[in-house]
C-alpha atoms as a PDB file:
ATOM      1  CA  MET A   1      79.045  80.404 110.009  1.00  0.00           C
ATOM      2  CA  THR A   2      81.070  77.638 111.386  1.00  0.00           C
ATOM      3  CA  ALA A   3      83.026  77.946 114.663  1.00  0.00           C
ATOM      4  CA  ALA A   4      86.385  78.152 112.805  1.00  0.00           C
ATOM      5  CA  ALA A   5      85.117  80.890 110.418  1.00  0.00           C
ATOM      6  CA  HIS A   6      83.526  82.767 113.370  1.00  0.00           C
ATOM      7  CA  ARG A   7      86.923  82.700 115.124  1.00  0.00           C
ATOM      8  CA  ALA A   8      88.953  83.738 112.133  1.00  0.00           C
ATOM      9  CA  TRP A   9      86.429  86.644 111.571  1.00  0.00           C
ATOM     10  CA  ALA A  10      86.933  87.738 115.159  1.00  0.00           C
ATOM     11  CA  ILE A  11      90.620  87.872 114.583  1.00  0.00           C
ATOM     12  CA  ALA A  12      90.045  89.768 111.437  1.00  0.00           C
ATOM     13  CA  LYS A  13      87.922  92.454 113.142  1.00  0.00           C
ATOM     14  CA  LYS A  14      90.606  92.720 115.781  1.00  0.00           C
ATOM     15  CA  ASP A  15      93.303  93.305 113.160  1.00  0.00           C
ATOM     16  CA  VAL A  16      91.213  95.881 111.276  1.00  0.00           C
ATOM     17  CA  ARG A  17      90.552  97.836 114.582  1.00  0.00           C
ATOM     18  CA  ILE A  18      94.204  97.792 115.879  1.00  0.00           C
ATOM     19  CA  TYR A  19      96.639  97.354 113.066  1.00  0.00           C
ATOM     20  CA  CYS A  20      95.226  99.088 109.806  1.00  0.00           C
ATOM     21  CA  SER A  21      96.042 102.522 111.270  1.00  0.00           C
ATOM     22  CA  ARG A  22      99.705 101.630 112.258  1.00  0.00           C
ATOM     23  CA  GLY A  23     102.447 103.859 111.033  1.00  0.00           C
ATOM     24  CA  PRO A  24     104.235 101.064 108.955  1.00  0.00           C
ATOM     25  CA  VAL A  25     101.047 100.045 107.299  1.00  0.00           C
ATOM     26  CA  ILE A  26     100.169 103.540 106.294  1.00  0.00           C
ATOM     27  CA  ILE A  27     103.672 104.358 105.115  1.00  0.00           C
ATOM     28  CA  PHE A  28     104.485 101.217 103.274  1.00  0.00           C
ATOM     29  CA  GLY A  29     100.983 100.393 102.221  1.00  0.00           C
ATOM     30  CA  VAL A  30      99.523 103.750 101.091  1.00  0.00           C
ATOM     31  CA  LEU A  31     101.959 106.635 100.980  1.00  0.00           C
ATOM     32  CA  PHE A  32     105.056 105.041  99.570  1.00  0.00           C
ATOM     33  CA  PRO A  33     103.250 103.430  96.458  1.00  0.00           C
ATOM     34  CA  THR A  34     101.296 106.643  95.932  1.00  0.00           C
ATOM     35  CA  PHE A  35     104.402 108.959  95.772  1.00  0.00           C
ATOM     36  CA  LEU A  36     106.223 106.380  93.766  1.00  0.00           C
ATOM     37  CA  PHE A  37     103.599 106.251  91.089  1.00  0.00           C
ATOM     38  CA  VAL A  38     103.158 109.996  91.109  1.00  0.00           C
ATOM     39  CA  ALA A  39     106.876 110.406  90.625  1.00  0.00           C
ATOM     40  CA  PHE A  40     106.572 108.015  87.536  1.00  0.00           C
ATOM     41  CA  ALA A  41     103.527 109.543  85.994  1.00  0.00           C
ATOM     42  CA  TRP A  42     103.903 113.293  86.757  1.00  0.00           C
ATOM     43  CA  GLY A  43     104.570 115.334  83.585  1.00  0.00           C
ATOM     44  CA  ARG A  44     104.421 112.404  81.224  1.00  0.00           C
ATOM     45  CA  ASN A  45     101.912 111.910  78.440  1.00  0.00           C
ATOM     46  CA  VAL A  46     100.984 108.391  79.397  1.00  0.00           C
ATOM     47  CA  PRO A  47      97.767 106.942  77.751  1.00  0.00           C
ATOM     48  CA  ALA A  48      95.029 105.985  80.266  1.00  0.00           C
ATOM     49  CA  ASP A  49      95.056 102.304  79.151  1.00  0.00           C
ATOM     50  CA  SER A  50      98.788 102.028  80.063  1.00  0.00           C
ATOM     51  CA  LEU A  51      98.547 104.189  83.358  1.00  0.00           C
ATOM     52  CA  VAL A  52      95.557 102.773  84.954  1.00  0.00           C
ATOM     53  CA  PRO A  53      96.324  99.070  85.056  1.00  0.00           C
ATOM     54  CA  GLY A  54      99.603  99.816  86.683  1.00  0.00           C
ATOM     55  CA  LEU A  55      98.059 102.238  89.208  1.00  0.00           C
ATOM     56  CA  ILE A  56      95.362  99.793  90.310  1.00  0.00           C
ATOM     57  CA  GLY A  57      97.796  96.735  90.335  1.00  0.00           C
ATOM     58  CA  MET A  58     100.331  98.612  92.476  1.00  0.00           C
ATOM     59  CA  ALA A  59      97.623  99.895  94.859  1.00  0.00           C
ATOM     60  CA  LEU A  60      96.282  96.456  95.357  1.00  0.00           C
ATOM     61  CA  PHE A  61      99.805  95.027  95.875  1.00  0.00           C
ATOM     62  CA  PHE A  62     100.985  97.294  98.418  1.00  0.00           C
ATOM     63  CA  THR A  63      97.689  97.750 100.384  1.00  0.00           C
ATOM     64  CA  ALA A  64      96.775  94.112 100.541  1.00  0.00           C
ATOM     65  CA  SER A  65     100.311  93.089 101.514  1.00  0.00           C
ATOM     66  CA  ALA A  66     100.795  95.834 104.028  1.00  0.00           C
ATOM     67  CA  THR A  67      98.825  94.807 107.121  1.00  0.00           C
ATOM     68  CA  THR A  68      99.795  91.080 107.522  1.00  0.00           C
ATOM     69  CA  PRO A  69     103.488  91.542 107.733  1.00  0.00           C
ATOM     70  CA  ALA A  70     103.005  93.947 110.636  1.00  0.00           C
ATOM     71  CA  VAL A  71     100.385  91.967 112.818  1.00  0.00           C
ATOM     72  CA  LEU A  72     102.492  89.031 114.172  1.00  0.00           C
ATOM     73  CA  PRO A  73     105.578  91.065 115.092  1.00  0.00           C
ATOM     74  CA  PHE A  74     103.461  93.572 117.000  1.00  0.00           C
ATOM     75  CA  GLU A  75     101.408  90.836 118.743  1.00  0.00           C
ATOM     76  CA  THR A  76     104.814  89.121 119.680  1.00  0.00           C
ATOM     77  CA  ARG A  77     106.201  92.330 121.179  1.00  0.00           C
ATOM     78  CA  THR A  78     103.055  93.046 123.175  1.00  0.00           C
ATOM     79  CA  ARG A  79     102.650  89.350 124.235  1.00  0.00           C
ATOM     80  CA  THR A  80      99.063  89.158 122.954  1.00  0.00           C
ATOM     81  CA  LEU A  81     100.107  86.266 120.702  1.00  0.00           C
ATOM     82  CA  GLU A  82     100.595  84.138 123.754  1.00  0.00           C
ATOM     83  CA  ARG A  83      96.994  84.626 124.718  1.00  0.00           C
ATOM     84  CA  LEU A  84      95.787  83.955 121.267  1.00  0.00           C
ATOM     85  CA  LEU A  85      97.655  80.608 121.236  1.00  0.00           C
ATOM     86  CA  THR A  86      95.990  79.637 124.501  1.00  0.00           C
ATOM     87  CA  ALA A  87      92.554  80.166 123.092  1.00  0.00           C
ATOM     88  CA  PRO A  88      90.752  77.385 121.033  1.00  0.00           C
ATOM     89  CA  ILE A  89      92.326  78.856 117.910  1.00  0.00           C
ATOM     90  CA  THR A  90      94.495  76.886 115.358  1.00  0.00           C
ATOM     91  CA  ILE A  91      97.309  78.455 113.412  1.00  0.00           C
ATOM     92  CA  PRO A  92      95.207  78.312 110.073  1.00  0.00           C
ATOM     93  CA  MET A  93      92.425  80.148 111.866  1.00  0.00           C
ATOM     94  CA  LEU A  94      94.782  82.747 113.238  1.00  0.00           C
ATOM     95  CA  ILE A  95      96.498  83.386 109.752  1.00  0.00           C
ATOM     96  CA  ALA A  96      93.211  83.342 107.989  1.00  0.00           C
ATOM     97  CA  GLY A  97      91.922  86.158 110.284  1.00  0.00           C
ATOM     98  CA  ASP A  98      95.017  88.188 109.362  1.00  0.00           C
ATOM     99  CA  VAL A  99      94.543  87.480 105.671  1.00  0.00           C
ATOM    100  CA  ILE A 100      90.825  88.536 105.736  1.00  0.00           C
ATOM    101  CA  ALA A 101      91.779  91.750 107.477  1.00  0.00           C
ATOM    102  CA  ALA A 102      94.341  92.424 104.846  1.00  0.00           C
ATOM    103  CA  LEU A 103      91.961  91.481 102.104  1.00  0.00           C
ATOM    104  CA  LEU A 104      89.392  93.917 103.207  1.00  0.00           C
ATOM    105  CA  PHE A 105      91.956  96.647 103.698  1.00  0.00           C
ATOM    106  CA  GLY A 106      93.243  96.106 100.121  1.00  0.00           C
ATOM    107  CA  LEU A 107      89.719  96.001  98.724  1.00  0.00           C
ATOM    108  CA  LEU A 108      88.686  99.312 100.423  1.00  0.00           C
ATOM    109  CA  LEU A 109      91.635 101.259  99.415  1.00  0.00           C
ATOM    110  CA  SER A 110      91.734  99.901  95.964  1.00  0.00           C
ATOM    111  CA  LEU A 111      88.461 101.727  95.385  1.00  0.00           C
ATOM    112  CA  ILE A 112      90.375 104.951  95.427  1.00  0.00           C
ATOM    113  CA  PRO A 113      92.393 104.283  92.157  1.00  0.00           C
ATOM    114  CA  ILE A 114      89.468 102.653  90.602  1.00  0.00           C
ATOM    115  CA  VAL A 115      87.238 105.689  91.158  1.00  0.00           C
ATOM    116  CA  ILE A 116      90.004 108.034  90.014  1.00  0.00           C
ATOM    117  CA  SER A 117      90.478 106.023  86.885  1.00  0.00           C
ATOM    118  CA  LEU A 118      86.787 105.927  85.977  1.00  0.00           C
ATOM    119  CA  ALA A 119      85.675 109.431  87.186  1.00  0.00           C
ATOM    120  CA  VAL A 120      88.824 111.481  86.708  1.00  0.00           C
ATOM    121  CA  VAL A 121      91.072 109.912  84.116  1.00  0.00           C
ATOM    122  CA  ARG A 122      87.906 108.608  82.215  1.00  0.00           C
ATOM    123  CA  ALA A 123      89.672 105.256  81.339  1.00  0.00           C
ATOM    124  CA  PRO A 124      87.261 103.192  79.217  1.00  0.00           C
ATOM    125  CA  LEU A 125      86.230  99.915  81.178  1.00  0.00           C
ATOM    126  CA  HIS A 126      85.480  97.216  78.732  1.00  0.00           C
ATOM    127  CA  HIS A 127      85.122  94.267  80.990  1.00  0.00           C
ATOM    128  CA  PRO A 128      83.666  95.042  84.577  1.00  0.00           C
ATOM    129  CA  LEU A 129      83.441  91.493  85.584  1.00  0.00           C
ATOM    130  CA  GLN A 130      87.143  90.995  84.909  1.00  0.00           C
ATOM    131  CA  LEU A 131      87.919  94.065  86.940  1.00  0.00           C
ATOM    132  CA  VAL A 132      85.838  92.970  89.982  1.00  0.00           C
ATOM    133  CA  GLY A 133      87.086  89.320  89.743  1.00  0.00           C
ATOM    134  CA  GLY A 134      90.701  90.493  89.294  1.00  0.00           C
ATOM    135  CA  VAL A 135      90.541  92.932  92.214  1.00  0.00           C
ATOM    136  CA  ILE A 136      89.178  90.381  94.647  1.00  0.00           C
ATOM    137  CA  LEU A 137      91.524  87.551  93.664  1.00  0.00           C
ATOM    138  CA  SER A 138      94.604  89.784  93.517  1.00  0.00           C
ATOM    139  CA  ALA A 139      93.820  91.340  96.943  1.00  0.00           C
ATOM    140  CA  LEU A 140      93.524  87.773  98.422  1.00  0.00           C
ATOM    141  CA  CYS A 141      96.765  86.699  96.738  1.00  0.00           C
ATOM    142  CA  PHE A 142      98.697  89.660  97.954  1.00  0.00           C
ATOM    143  CA  ALA A 143      97.193  89.342 101.504  1.00  0.00           C
ATOM    144  CA  ILE A 144      98.479  85.793 101.730  1.00  0.00           C
ATOM    145  CA  MET A 145     101.907  86.800 100.382  1.00  0.00           C
ATOM    146  CA  GLY A 146     102.103  89.511 103.142  1.00  0.00           C
ATOM    147  CA  SER A 147     101.371  86.894 105.737  1.00  0.00           C
ATOM    148  CA  LEU A 148     104.304  84.909 104.424  1.00  0.00           C
ATOM    149  CA  PHE A 149     106.534  87.802 104.953  1.00  0.00           C
ATOM    150  CA  SER A 150     105.640  87.836 108.631  1.00  0.00           C
ATOM    151  CA  ALA A 151     106.693  84.134 109.181  1.00  0.00           C
ATOM    152  CA  PRO A 152     110.276  84.910 110.496  1.00  0.00           C
ATOM    153  CA  ALA A 153     110.190  84.791 114.309  1.00  0.00           C
ATOM    154  CA  THR A 154     110.791  88.400 115.384  1.00  0.00           C
ATOM    155  CA  ASP A 155     108.998  91.084 117.410  1.00  0.00           C
ATOM    156  CA  ASN A 156     110.491  93.939 115.356  1.00  0.00           C
ATOM    157  CA  PRO A 157     107.763  95.124 112.776  1.00  0.00           C
ATOM    158  CA  ALA A 158     110.497  97.363 110.986  1.00  0.00           C
ATOM    159  CA  SER A 159     112.637  94.144 110.309  1.00  0.00           C
ATOM    160  CA  ILE A 160     109.670  92.446 108.619  1.00  0.00           C
ATOM    161  CA  MET A 161     108.535  95.590 106.640  1.00  0.00           C
ATOM    162  CA  THR A 162     112.128  95.863 105.324  1.00  0.00           C
ATOM    163  CA  LEU A 163     112.137  92.245 104.382  1.00  0.00           C
ATOM    164  CA  SER A 164     108.770  92.623 102.514  1.00  0.00           C
ATOM    165  CA  ASN A 165     110.039  95.571 100.609  1.00  0.00           C
ATOM    166  CA  LEU A 166     113.094  93.719  99.541  1.00  0.00           C
ATOM    167  CA  VAL A 167     110.553  91.571  97.672  1.00  0.00           C
ATOM    168  CA  ARG A 168     107.949  93.932  96.708  1.00  0.00           C
ATOM    169  CA  LEU A 169     110.064  96.688  95.186  1.00  0.00           C
ATOM    170  CA  PRO A 170     111.857  94.500  92.581  1.00  0.00           C
ATOM    171  CA  LEU A 171     108.488  92.934  91.669  1.00  0.00           C
ATOM    172  CA  ILE A 172     106.794  96.109  90.648  1.00  0.00           C
ATOM    173  CA  PHE A 173     109.631  96.789  88.133  1.00  0.00           C
ATOM    174  CA  VAL A 174     109.357  93.266  86.346  1.00  0.00           C
ATOM    175  CA  SER A 175     105.489  92.911  86.695  1.00  0.00           C
ATOM    176  CA  GLY A 176     104.262  95.247  84.000  1.00  0.00           C
ATOM    177  CA  VAL A 177     103.419  98.117  86.427  1.00  0.00           C
ATOM    178  CA  PHE A 178     105.329 100.809  84.736  1.00  0.00           C
ATOM    179  CA  MET A 179     105.901  99.068  81.363  1.00  0.00           C
ATOM    180  CA  PRO A 180     103.516  96.641  79.825  1.00  0.00           C
ATOM    181  CA  VAL A 181     104.779  93.049  79.482  1.00  0.00           C
ATOM    182  CA  ALA A 182     104.231  93.347  75.686  1.00  0.00           C
ATOM    183  CA  LYS A 183     106.979  95.989  75.456  1.00  0.00           C
ATOM    184  CA  MET A 184     109.449  94.175  77.846  1.00  0.00           C
ATOM    185  CA  GLY A 185     112.590  92.507  76.490  1.00  0.00           C
ATOM    186  CA  ALA A 186     112.615  88.850  75.794  1.00  0.00           C
ATOM    187  CA  TRP A 187     115.070  88.224  78.751  1.00  0.00           C
ATOM    188  CA  VAL A 188     112.759  90.041  81.180  1.00  0.00           C
ATOM    189  CA  ARG A 189     109.428  88.195  80.407  1.00  0.00           C
ATOM    190  CA  PRO A 190     110.195  84.830  81.874  1.00  0.00           C
ATOM    191  CA  ILE A 191     110.988  86.584  85.114  1.00  0.00           C
ATOM    192  CA  ALA A 192     107.578  88.656  84.902  1.00  0.00           C
ATOM    193  CA  TYR A 193     105.670  85.395  84.476  1.00  0.00           C
ATOM    194  CA  LEU A 194     106.868  84.264  87.880  1.00  0.00           C
ATOM    195  CA  SER A 195     105.255  87.347  89.616  1.00  0.00           C
ATOM    196  CA  PRO A 196     101.484  87.231  90.650  1.00  0.00           C
ATOM    197  CA  LEU A 197     101.539  91.001  90.143  1.00  0.00           C
ATOM    198  CA  THR A 198     102.165  90.545  86.370  1.00  0.00           C
ATOM    199  CA  TYR A 199      98.847  88.673  86.117  1.00  0.00           C
ATOM    200  CA  THR A 200      97.070  91.392  88.064  1.00  0.00           C
ATOM    201  CA  THR A 201      98.288  94.131  85.759  1.00  0.00           C
ATOM    202  CA  GLU A 202      97.661  92.130  82.637  1.00  0.00           C
ATOM    203  CA  LEU A 203      94.122  91.401  83.901  1.00  0.00           C
ATOM    204  CA  MET A 204      93.476  95.051  84.481  1.00  0.00           C
ATOM    205  CA  ARG A 205      94.779  95.784  80.938  1.00  0.00           C
ATOM    206  CA  ASN A 206      92.275  93.218  79.574  1.00  0.00           C
ATOM    207  CA  ALA A 207      89.546  94.949  81.629  1.00  0.00           C
ATOM    208  CA  PHE A 208      90.316  98.438  80.305  1.00  0.00           C
ATOM    209  CA  GLY A 209      91.065  97.482  76.702  1.00  0.00           C
ATOM    210  CA  GLY A 210      94.769  97.863  76.914  1.00  0.00           C
ATOM    211  CA  GLU A 211      97.608  95.887  75.150  1.00  0.00           C
ATOM    212  CA  ALA A 212      97.767  92.637  77.113  1.00  0.00           C
ATOM    213  CA  VAL A 213      99.869  89.499  76.036  1.00  0.00           C
ATOM    214  CA  ILE A 214      98.187  87.192  78.699  1.00  0.00           C
ATOM    215  CA  SER A 215      94.480  86.286  78.383  1.00  0.00           C
ATOM    216  CA  ALA A 216      91.961  87.181  81.151  1.00  0.00           C
ATOM    217  CA  GLY A 217      91.178  83.547  81.777  1.00  0.00           C
ATOM    218  CA  LEU A 218      94.932  82.576  82.306  1.00  0.00           C
ATOM    219  CA  CYS A 219      95.398  85.626  84.476  1.00  0.00           C
ATOM    220  CA  LEU A 220      92.570  84.531  86.768  1.00  0.00           C
ATOM    221  CA  GLY A 221      93.658  80.954  86.834  1.00  0.00           C
ATOM    222  CA  MET A 222      97.277  81.919  87.674  1.00  0.00           C
ATOM    223  CA  LEU A 223      96.224  84.211  90.438  1.00  0.00           C
ATOM    224  CA  ALA A 224      94.118  81.308  92.037  1.00  0.00           C
ATOM    225  CA  LEU A 225      97.010  79.004  91.601  1.00  0.00           C
ATOM    226  CA  PHE A 226      99.305  81.490  93.333  1.00  0.00           C
ATOM    227  CA  CYS A 227      96.737  81.860  96.223  1.00  0.00           C
ATOM    228  CA  ILE A 228      96.807  78.095  96.806  1.00  0.00           C
ATOM    229  CA  ALA A 229     100.607  77.818  96.632  1.00  0.00           C
ATOM    230  CA  LEU A 230     101.202  80.780  98.778  1.00  0.00           C
ATOM    231  CA  TRP A 231      98.773  79.435 101.175  1.00  0.00           C
ATOM    232  CA  ILE A 232     100.437  76.058 101.569  1.00  0.00           C
ATOM    233  CA  ILE A 233     103.865  77.710 101.851  1.00  0.00           C
ATOM    234  CA  THR A 234     102.569  80.199 104.408  1.00  0.00           C
ATOM    235  CA  MET A 235     101.102  77.531 106.652  1.00  0.00           C
ATOM    236  CA  ALA A 236     104.381  75.499 106.577  1.00  0.00           C
ATOM    237  CA  ALA A 237     106.480  78.530 107.390  1.00  0.00           C
ATOM    238  CA  HIS A 238     104.207  79.738 110.275  1.00  0.00           C
ATOM    239  CA  ARG A 239     104.022  76.151 111.766  1.00  0.00           C
ATOM    240  CA  ALA A 240     107.827  76.045 111.805  1.00  0.00           C
ATOM    241  CA  SER A 241     108.248  79.445 113.452  1.00  0.00           C
ATOM    242  CA  ILE A 242     105.273  80.251 115.555  1.00  0.00           C
ATOM    243  CA  HIS A 243     106.446  78.608 118.779  1.00  0.00           C
ATOM    244  CA  ARG A 244     109.812  80.304 118.593  1.00  0.00           C
ATOM    245  CA  ARG A 245     108.030  83.615 118.946  1.00  0.00           C
ATOM    246  CA  LEU A 246     106.979  82.695 122.471  1.00  0.00           C
ATOM    247  CA  PHE A 247     110.578  82.813 123.644  1.00  0.00           C
ATOM    248  CA  LEU A 248     111.509  86.069 122.163  1.00  0.00           C
END
């Protein structure tokens, strides 16, 4: 392991130990999407191939993007960010560590809906490799997106979590979570194609043999493209705001 990777991994371990059990992370990353999905699915005769992709996609989306928005505001408030910036750590190493922690958090918690889907709902899994690849790539994409939410220079985690939910909540309604893209109106589809969550849910539908309008290969390619684009934007945003945090 190179020195840069070792330092990023050290930051990731610190984030997992300190931030994954924080109130905002648990509420907005685990409890909120769970209750939202139960409210949607309870008492409705929804086929497994329609229910399961949305469940897994929303779980990945909220859990992987829940940790990174909270880390930098907390560290700005407790003044631990200043200590990190005086260490031999670059901004990409710092953000990469946060993203790795969020990735692991998302992968771990996504196992819950996957196990429920396979063992309880008995959803037919047609393409296991698509499921595995889609889960890993989606968790990485959403972890980077969560880091982008934390770019504004503030020491108030609640402000960042509110900002992130202003983006995340509309996305779940236009990304095929509750209604497959195939059944959306023609005016909604162009908006859906701009959301990375759309490609996650479509990939899950492909994996479970559901009705998908986007091929698995295109979904994987678009998720990889979103990862690269979001990483570039995130780096630019954090470089522009990181030093303003020191004066809060």
